Amino acid sequence: MRVVKSLGVIPHDGAITVEADREVFERARRWRLNSEKGEVILDLGRAPRDGEVFETDTGDKVVLVQKEEPVLVFSLSDPKSSFVLGYKLGNLHQNVMLVDDKVMIPKKFPDEYYRNVLEGTEFSQGRAKFTPNVNKVEE
């Protein structure tokens, strides 16, 4: 199936759900994704949005949903520890997602790596639809 047009982020009852990694939502390129009805070819010339519904050349509707991924979660408690956390996370050169008083980064390395690099910093592990937003955070 080849995507022929976007219908936007709309209610999608009856649509085929295609789960995709975050990478699909970050890059405008051609993707081949698997669905229950076979391969879906996505070539938009732009990055798709989570929950976006598409019509295919077979007349099927497909909804693209971002998969959750492992993340490390940090709480922002006071200015000093928040500064130290920012310094340590900055040294990792990873994207960051800020939600309320929580900071999240994608878990890309084994636990031992994070224990060494983030020594003295408390964090928990979880799963989330990771969407970097640090440069979009409103004050």
Protein backbone atom coordinates (compact mmCIF):
# COMPACT_ATOMS: atom_id res chain seq x y z
CA MET A 1 0.00 0.00 0.00
CA ARG A 2 1.24 3.45 -0.80
CA VAL A 3 0.04 6.54 1.06
CA VAL A 4 -1.62 8.91 -1.38
CA LYS A 5 -2.80 11.71 0.91
CA SER A 6 -2.98 12.89 4.48
CA LEU A 7 -6.40 13.33 6.07
CA GLY A 8 -4.87 15.07 9.10
CA VAL A 9 -5.12 14.16 12.76
CA ILE A 10 -8.77 13.15 12.81
CA PRO A 11 -10.94 10.47 14.45
CA HIS A 12 -9.85 7.19 12.92
CA ASP A 13 -12.40 4.47 13.64
CA GLY A 14 -11.74 1.51 11.38
CA ALA A 15 -8.31 2.71 10.27
CA ILE A 16 -5.35 0.32 10.24
CA THR A 17 -2.99 1.24 13.08
CA VAL A 18 0.69 1.37 12.16
CA GLU A 19 3.08 1.83 15.05
CA ALA A 20 6.36 3.54 14.22
CA ASP A 21 9.55 4.49 16.05
CA ARG A 22 10.24 8.14 16.94
CA GLU A 23 12.73 8.34 14.08
CA VAL A 24 9.83 8.24 11.58
CA PHE A 25 8.30 11.36 13.17
CA GLU A 26 11.60 13.26 13.18
CA ARG A 27 12.68 12.86 9.57
CA ALA A 28 11.15 13.71 6.24
CA ARG A 29 12.09 10.73 4.13
CA ARG A 30 10.63 7.62 2.55
CA TRP A 31 9.61 4.91 5.01
CA ARG A 32 8.48 1.30 4.59
CA LEU A 33 6.35 0.33 7.57
CA ASN A 34 4.62 -2.95 8.39
CA SER A 35 0.89 -3.21 9.07
CA GLU A 36 -1.60 -6.01 9.54
CA LYS A 37 -2.46 -5.65 5.82
CA GLY A 38 1.13 -5.61 4.58
CA GLU A 39 3.72 -2.98 3.87
CA VAL A 40 2.81 0.71 3.92
CA ILE A 41 5.03 3.08 1.94
CA LEU A 42 5.14 6.57 3.38
CA ASP A 43 6.77 9.27 1.24
CA LEU A 44 5.39 12.68 2.27
CA GLY A 45 8.33 15.02 1.81
CA ARG A 46 7.83 16.03 5.45
CA ALA A 47 7.82 14.36 8.84
CA PRO A 48 4.41 12.86 9.76
CA ARG A 49 2.58 13.65 13.01
CA ASP A 50 1.62 11.19 15.74
CA GLY A 51 -2.02 10.22 15.15
CA GLU A 52 -2.07 11.41 11.55
CA VAL A 53 -4.48 9.50 9.30
CA PHE A 54 -3.62 8.69 5.69
CA GLU A 55 -5.52 7.30 2.73
CA THR A 56 -3.72 4.66 0.68
CA ASP A 57 -3.85 3.76 -2.98
CA THR A 58 -6.01 0.75 -2.03
CA GLY A 59 -8.59 3.00 -0.36
CA ASP A 60 -7.63 1.89 3.16
CA LYS A 61 -7.17 4.40 5.95
CA VAL A 62 -4.01 4.13 8.03
CA VAL A 63 -3.29 5.91 11.32
CA LEU A 64 0.36 6.39 12.24
CA VAL A 65 1.04 6.07 15.98
CA GLN A 66 4.35 6.70 17.70
CA LYS A 67 5.63 3.79 19.80
CA GLU A 68 6.58 4.33 23.41
CA GLU A 69 10.28 3.87 24.13
CA PRO A 70 12.43 3.46 27.24
CA VAL A 71 13.24 6.78 28.95
CA LEU A 72 15.03 8.03 32.03
CA VAL A 73 12.91 10.34 34.18
CA PHE A 74 14.35 13.05 36.43
CA SER A 75 12.45 15.28 38.87
CA LEU A 76 13.23 18.97 39.11
CA SER A 77 13.20 19.71 42.83
CA ASP A 78 15.38 22.73 43.60
CA PRO A 79 17.54 25.20 41.66
CA LYS A 80 20.92 23.70 42.64
CA SER A 81 20.11 20.07 41.79
CA SER A 82 18.28 21.20 38.64
CA PHE A 83 21.41 23.09 37.52
CA VAL A 84 23.64 20.05 38.17
CA LEU A 85 21.17 17.85 36.29
CA GLY A 86 21.15 20.26 33.34
CA TYR A 87 24.94 20.26 33.25
CA LYS A 88 25.18 16.46 33.34
CA LEU A 89 22.43 15.95 30.76
CA GLY A 90 23.98 18.60 28.51
CA ASN A 91 27.19 16.60 28.48
CA LEU A 92 25.25 13.63 27.07
CA HIS A 93 24.27 15.66 23.97
CA GLN A 94 20.84 14.01 23.88
CA ASN A 95 17.42 15.44 23.14
CA VAL A 96 15.35 16.32 26.20
CA MET A 97 11.63 16.34 26.89
CA LEU A 98 10.24 18.50 29.70
CA VAL A 99 6.81 17.64 31.13
CA ASP A 100 5.67 19.61 34.18
CA ASP A 101 8.44 19.11 36.77
CA LYS A 102 9.92 16.05 35.03
CA VAL A 103 12.79 15.86 32.54
CA MET A 104 13.08 12.83 30.26
CA ILE A 105 15.78 11.57 27.93
CA PRO A 106 15.66 8.49 25.70
CA LYS A 107 17.52 5.52 27.13
CA LYS A 108 20.12 4.68 24.49
CA PHE A 109 22.82 3.04 26.59
CA PRO A 110 23.10 0.28 29.26
CA ASP A 111 22.25 1.11 32.89
CA GLU A 112 25.92 1.05 33.95
CA TYR A 113 26.72 3.92 31.58
CA TYR A 114 24.03 6.15 33.12
CA ARG A 115 25.03 5.21 36.68
CA ASN A 116 28.60 6.35 35.93
CA VAL A 117 27.83 9.50 33.93
CA LEU A 118 24.93 10.66 36.12
CA GLU A 119 26.51 9.70 39.45
CA GLY A 120 24.78 11.43 42.34
CA THR A 121 21.67 12.18 40.27
CA GLU A 122 18.43 10.36 41.05
CA PHE A 123 16.34 9.05 38.19
CA SER A 124 13.80 6.38 37.43
CA GLN A 125 13.12 4.43 34.27
CA GLY A 126 9.87 4.41 32.36
CA ARG A 127 8.32 4.37 28.90
CA ALA A 128 6.94 7.33 26.99
CA LYS A 129 6.16 8.65 23.54
CA PHE A 130 9.34 10.71 23.56
CA THR A 131 8.99 14.04 21.79
CA PRO A 132 11.88 16.46 22.36
CA ASN A 133 10.48 19.85 23.33
CA VAL A 134 13.16 21.80 25.15
CA ASN A 135 13.34 24.50 22.48
CA LYS A 136 9.52 24.70 22.50
CA VAL A 137 8.95 25.01 26.25
CA GLU A 138 6.89 28.05 27.22
CA GLU A 139 7.92 30.06 30.25
